[in-house]
Protein backbone atom coordinates (compact mmCIF):
# COMPACT_ATOMS: atom_id res chain seq x y z
CA VAL A 1 -3.92 -5.02 47.01
CA ILE A 2 -5.34 -5.65 50.55
CA ALA A 3 -4.54 -3.23 53.18
CA GLY A 4 -1.58 -1.84 51.15
CA GLU A 5 -0.28 -5.37 50.36
CA GLU A 6 -0.04 -6.67 47.15
CA ALA A 7 -1.44 -10.25 46.62
CA GLU A 8 -1.53 -12.16 43.21
CA ASN A 9 -5.16 -12.96 42.20
CA ASP A 10 -4.44 -16.07 39.37
CA SER A 11 -8.04 -17.09 39.16
CA GLY A 12 -10.16 -14.01 39.93
CA VAL A 13 -11.44 -15.02 43.20
CA TYR A 14 -9.10 -14.67 46.37
CA GLU A 15 -9.83 -16.56 49.61
CA TYR A 16 -8.62 -13.55 52.42
CA THR A 17 -8.41 -14.49 56.22
CA PRO A 18 -7.70 -11.28 58.11
CA LEU A 19 -5.20 -11.90 61.06
CA THR A 20 -5.80 -9.11 62.55
CA ALA A 21 -8.94 -6.70 63.48
CA GLY A 22 -9.79 -3.45 61.97
CA GLU A 23 -10.57 -1.81 58.54
CA LYS A 24 -9.24 -3.49 55.96
CA ILE A 25 -9.19 -1.33 52.37
CA ILE A 26 -8.90 -3.48 49.56
CA TYR A 27 -8.88 -2.64 45.61
CA ALA A 28 -7.88 -4.57 42.84
CA LYS A 29 -5.19 -3.58 40.00
CA LYS A 30 -4.14 -5.25 35.88
CA ASP A 31 -2.06 -4.37 33.31
CA GLY A 32 -3.98 -2.44 30.75
CA PHE A 33 -7.12 -2.11 32.89
CA VAL A 34 -8.28 0.89 35.11
CA ASP A 35 -7.96 0.21 38.67
CA SER A 36 -11.35 -1.46 40.61
CA ASP A 37 -12.99 0.91 43.13
CA SER A 38 -12.28 0.18 46.92
CA ALA A 39 -14.13 -2.33 49.12
CA THR A 40 -14.22 -2.18 52.76
CA ILE A 41 -13.61 -5.01 55.23
CA ILE A 42 -13.74 -4.39 58.69
CA ALA A 43 -12.47 -7.49 60.50
CA GLN A 44 -13.69 -8.03 63.88
CA ASP A 45 -12.62 -9.90 67.05
CA LEU A 46 -13.90 -12.95 67.53
CA ALA A 47 -16.73 -12.51 71.09
CA THR A 48 -15.81 -14.79 73.84
CA SER A 49 -17.48 -15.44 77.37
CA THR A 50 -16.12 -17.70 79.88
CA ILE A 51 -18.43 -19.37 82.35
CA ARG A 52 -18.78 -22.04 84.22
CA LEU A 53 -20.82 -25.33 82.80
CA GLN A 54 -21.85 -28.26 84.55
CA ILE A 55 -23.43 -31.04 83.02
CA LYS A 56 -24.89 -33.23 84.99
CA THR A 57 -27.28 -36.55 85.20
CA LEU A 58 -28.53 -38.32 87.86
CA ASP A 59 -25.65 -41.00 87.34
CA GLY A 60 -23.24 -38.17 87.62
CA SER A 61 -21.08 -35.37 86.10
CA LEU A 62 -20.30 -35.54 82.49
CA TYR A 63 -18.99 -31.92 82.43
CA ASP A 64 -17.69 -29.39 85.65
CA ARG A 65 -15.19 -26.48 84.84
CA GLU A 66 -15.06 -23.32 83.16
CA ILE A 67 -14.57 -22.96 79.71
CA ILE A 68 -13.77 -20.01 77.22
CA VAL A 69 -17.04 -20.10 74.98
CA SER A 70 -16.55 -18.48 71.34
CA ALA A 71 -19.47 -17.09 68.97
CA CYS A 72 -20.71 -19.75 66.51
CA ALA A 73 -23.73 -19.45 64.40
CA ASP A 74 -27.12 -18.46 66.20
CA GLY A 75 -29.59 -20.19 63.74
CA LEU A 76 -29.49 -23.20 61.65
CA ALA A 77 -28.66 -21.19 58.34
CA ALA A 78 -27.56 -17.66 60.17
CA THR A 79 -24.94 -15.68 58.78
CA THR A 80 -24.72 -14.23 62.42
CA THR A 81 -23.03 -15.45 65.36
CA THR A 82 -23.35 -14.83 68.66
CA VAL A 83 -21.86 -16.95 72.71
CA ASN A 84 -24.98 -19.08 72.87
CA ALA A 85 -25.58 -21.72 74.83
CA LYS A 86 -25.72 -23.93 72.28
CA CYS A 87 -21.82 -23.22 71.23
CA ALA A 88 -21.07 -23.37 75.07
CA ILE A 89 -22.12 -27.70 74.61
CA GLU A 90 -20.80 -28.12 71.84
CA GLN A 91 -17.12 -26.61 72.54
CA SER A 92 -16.88 -28.67 76.20
CA GLY A 93 -15.75 -31.71 73.54
CA LEU A 94 -19.00 -33.94 74.33
CA ILE A 95 -20.98 -35.39 71.60
CA SER A 96 -24.54 -33.77 71.22
CA ASP A 97 -27.22 -33.98 68.91
CA TRP A 98 -29.53 -31.42 68.24
CA SER A 99 -33.20 -30.97 66.18
CA TRP A 100 -34.37 -27.60 64.68
CA SER A 101 -38.01 -25.52 65.00
CA GLY A 102 -37.46 -22.58 62.61
CA ASP A 103 -34.35 -20.81 64.05
CA SER A 104 -34.49 -22.70 67.27
CA ALA A 105 -32.31 -25.45 68.31
CA PHE A 106 -33.42 -28.29 70.72
CA LEU A 107 -31.42 -30.69 72.38
CA ASN A 108 -32.11 -34.26 72.06
CA SER A 109 -28.84 -35.76 74.27
CA ILE A 110 -25.48 -35.03 75.48
CA GLY A 111 -22.93 -37.81 75.61
CA GLY A 112 -25.47 -40.59 74.92
CA TYR A 113 -27.79 -39.25 77.08
CA ALA A 114 -31.37 -38.95 74.96
CA ASN A 115 -34.15 -37.31 76.05
CA ASP A 116 -37.02 -40.12 76.90
CA TYR A 117 -40.13 -38.24 76.59
CA VAL A 118 -42.60 -41.81 77.34
CA ASN A 119 -40.85 -41.83 80.81
CA GLY A 120 -40.51 -37.93 81.35
CA ILE A 121 -36.87 -38.20 81.14
CA TYR A 122 -34.89 -35.04 79.26
CA TRP A 123 -32.66 -31.91 79.49
CA GLY A 124 -32.90 -29.22 80.85
CA TRP A 125 -31.30 -26.23 81.46
CA PHE A 126 -30.44 -23.15 83.79
CA SER A 127 -28.65 -19.79 84.02
CA ASN A 128 -27.16 -18.66 87.72
CA LEU A 129 -30.10 -21.72 88.89
CA GLU A 130 -32.85 -19.28 86.75
CA TYR A 131 -35.02 -22.22 84.65
CA GLY A 132 -34.47 -21.87 81.25
CA GLN A 133 -36.78 -21.62 78.86
CA VAL A 134 -35.88 -20.55 75.61
CA ALA A 135 -34.08 -22.41 72.88
CA LEU A 136 -30.84 -22.78 73.74
CA ASN A 137 -29.08 -21.10 70.54
CA ARG A 138 -31.15 -18.65 71.94
CA HIS A 139 -29.94 -17.73 75.22
CA GLU A 140 -26.47 -15.36 75.42
CA LEU A 141 -23.94 -15.91 77.56
CA VAL A 142 -22.53 -13.07 79.88
CA ASN A 143 -18.65 -14.07 81.65
CA GLY A 144 -19.22 -15.40 84.73
CA GLU A 145 -22.31 -17.03 83.99
CA LYS A 146 -23.21 -20.49 85.68
CA LEU A 147 -24.67 -22.73 82.78
CA LEU A 148 -26.15 -26.12 84.12
CA LEU A 149 -27.71 -28.38 82.26
CA VAL A 150 -29.41 -31.65 83.47
CA TYR A 151 -30.97 -34.73 83.10
CA ASN A 152 -33.14 -37.20 85.28
CA THR A 153 -32.25 -34.91 88.35
CA ASN A 154 -32.76 -31.09 89.70
CA PRO A 155 -30.52 -28.77 91.16
CA LEU A 156 -31.01 -27.87 94.91
CA ARG A 157 -29.97 -24.43 96.02
CA THR A 158 -29.37 -22.74 99.46
CA SER A 159 -29.58 -19.64 101.32
CA VAL A 160 -28.40 -18.25 104.48
CA ASP A 161 -30.45 -15.62 106.41
CA ASN A 162 -27.04 -14.41 108.18
CA ALA A 163 -23.61 -15.09 106.22
CA THR A 164 -21.97 -13.18 109.00
CA PRO A 165 -22.93 -13.89 112.69
CA ASN A 166 -21.54 -13.88 115.84
CA VAL A 167 -20.20 -16.65 117.49
CA ASN A 168 -23.10 -18.44 119.36
CA ALA A 169 -25.87 -16.69 117.40
CA THR A 170 -28.17 -18.36 115.38
CA SER A 171 -28.43 -18.49 111.46
CA THR A 172 -31.06 -19.85 109.12
CA ILE A 173 -30.33 -21.49 106.36
CA THR A 174 -33.10 -22.74 103.44
CA VAL A 175 -32.27 -25.74 101.20
CA GLU A 176 -34.65 -25.82 98.51
CA GLN A 177 -35.51 -28.38 95.44
CA PHE A 178 -36.12 -27.32 91.92
CA GLY A 179 -39.14 -28.85 89.73
CA LEU A 180 -42.33 -28.21 87.60
CA ASP A 181 -45.80 -27.91 89.37
CA LEU A 182 -48.90 -29.54 87.21
CA SER A 183 -49.26 -26.53 85.09
CA TRP A 184 -45.46 -26.67 84.43
CA SER A 185 -44.35 -23.77 85.89
CA PRO A 186 -40.73 -23.91 87.48
CA VAL A 187 -41.09 -23.70 91.20
CA TRP A 188 -38.78 -24.19 93.98
CA THR A 189 -39.66 -25.86 97.19
CA PRO A 190 -38.23 -27.00 100.83
CA ALA A 191 -35.76 -29.83 100.29
CA ALA A 192 -37.54 -31.88 103.49
CA SER A 193 -35.16 -34.57 104.29
CA SER A 194 -32.33 -33.42 102.82
CA THR A 195 -28.85 -33.18 103.97
CA LEU A 196 -26.50 -30.27 105.12
CA VAL A 197 -22.68 -30.32 104.79
CA ILE A 198 -21.28 -27.86 107.38
CA ALA A 199 -17.74 -27.18 107.58
CA GLY A 200 -17.53 -30.91 106.66
CA ARG A 201 -20.34 -32.50 109.10
CA GLU A 202 -23.12 -34.16 107.77
CA VAL A 203 -26.14 -32.81 109.21
CA ASN A 204 -29.85 -34.07 109.01
CA ASN A 205 -31.86 -31.44 107.73
CA LYS A 206 -35.76 -32.72 107.72
CA SER A 207 -38.23 -29.47 106.76
CA GLY A 208 -35.83 -28.01 104.35
CA THR A 209 -34.73 -25.01 106.78
CA TYR A 210 -31.78 -25.54 109.35
CA GLU A 211 -31.43 -23.23 112.70
CA TYR A 212 -27.51 -23.38 112.42
């Protein structure tokens, strides 16, 4: 008897899939036997997060769209789930390959682009342009997040000191590029010799800082 409804059980083992969230009281009965004690199943809504997933290589874009990510296992043999970055990659539909160290998953390849450590080419990731330094299955996603994965390329970022200037007043636009220093620490440095696109028009940005 599951949530007040009878279900016949021919073998003694019954596979039950709750269709709604909430508490389900379960007990068993059989002619000639005393009813079993009751058990409780608490069905939970599947956790999700809506994020912007971008997967970029030096050759171009493998994926760039909004995606609803559902919870998945957070470890190799885990019985618990989280809405983590590994779930997003696997649910993108792109073929990915992983290796494990304990309960941490490390990305080997996406869409045929595999790590090549000999030549210093490998997958990196960013959350809202913050460099990721944990295993992807250990990074829990939040609604509205931008998850960026890069291969053989790094992101740029821009900032403006005054986003609402008067006409004929000057705003300073700064362009920075991401990299790792000699100690492998993440750093953002001025993106010299870059190009800015302002209102559809390209302008050279020799120093990384542009007065507009």
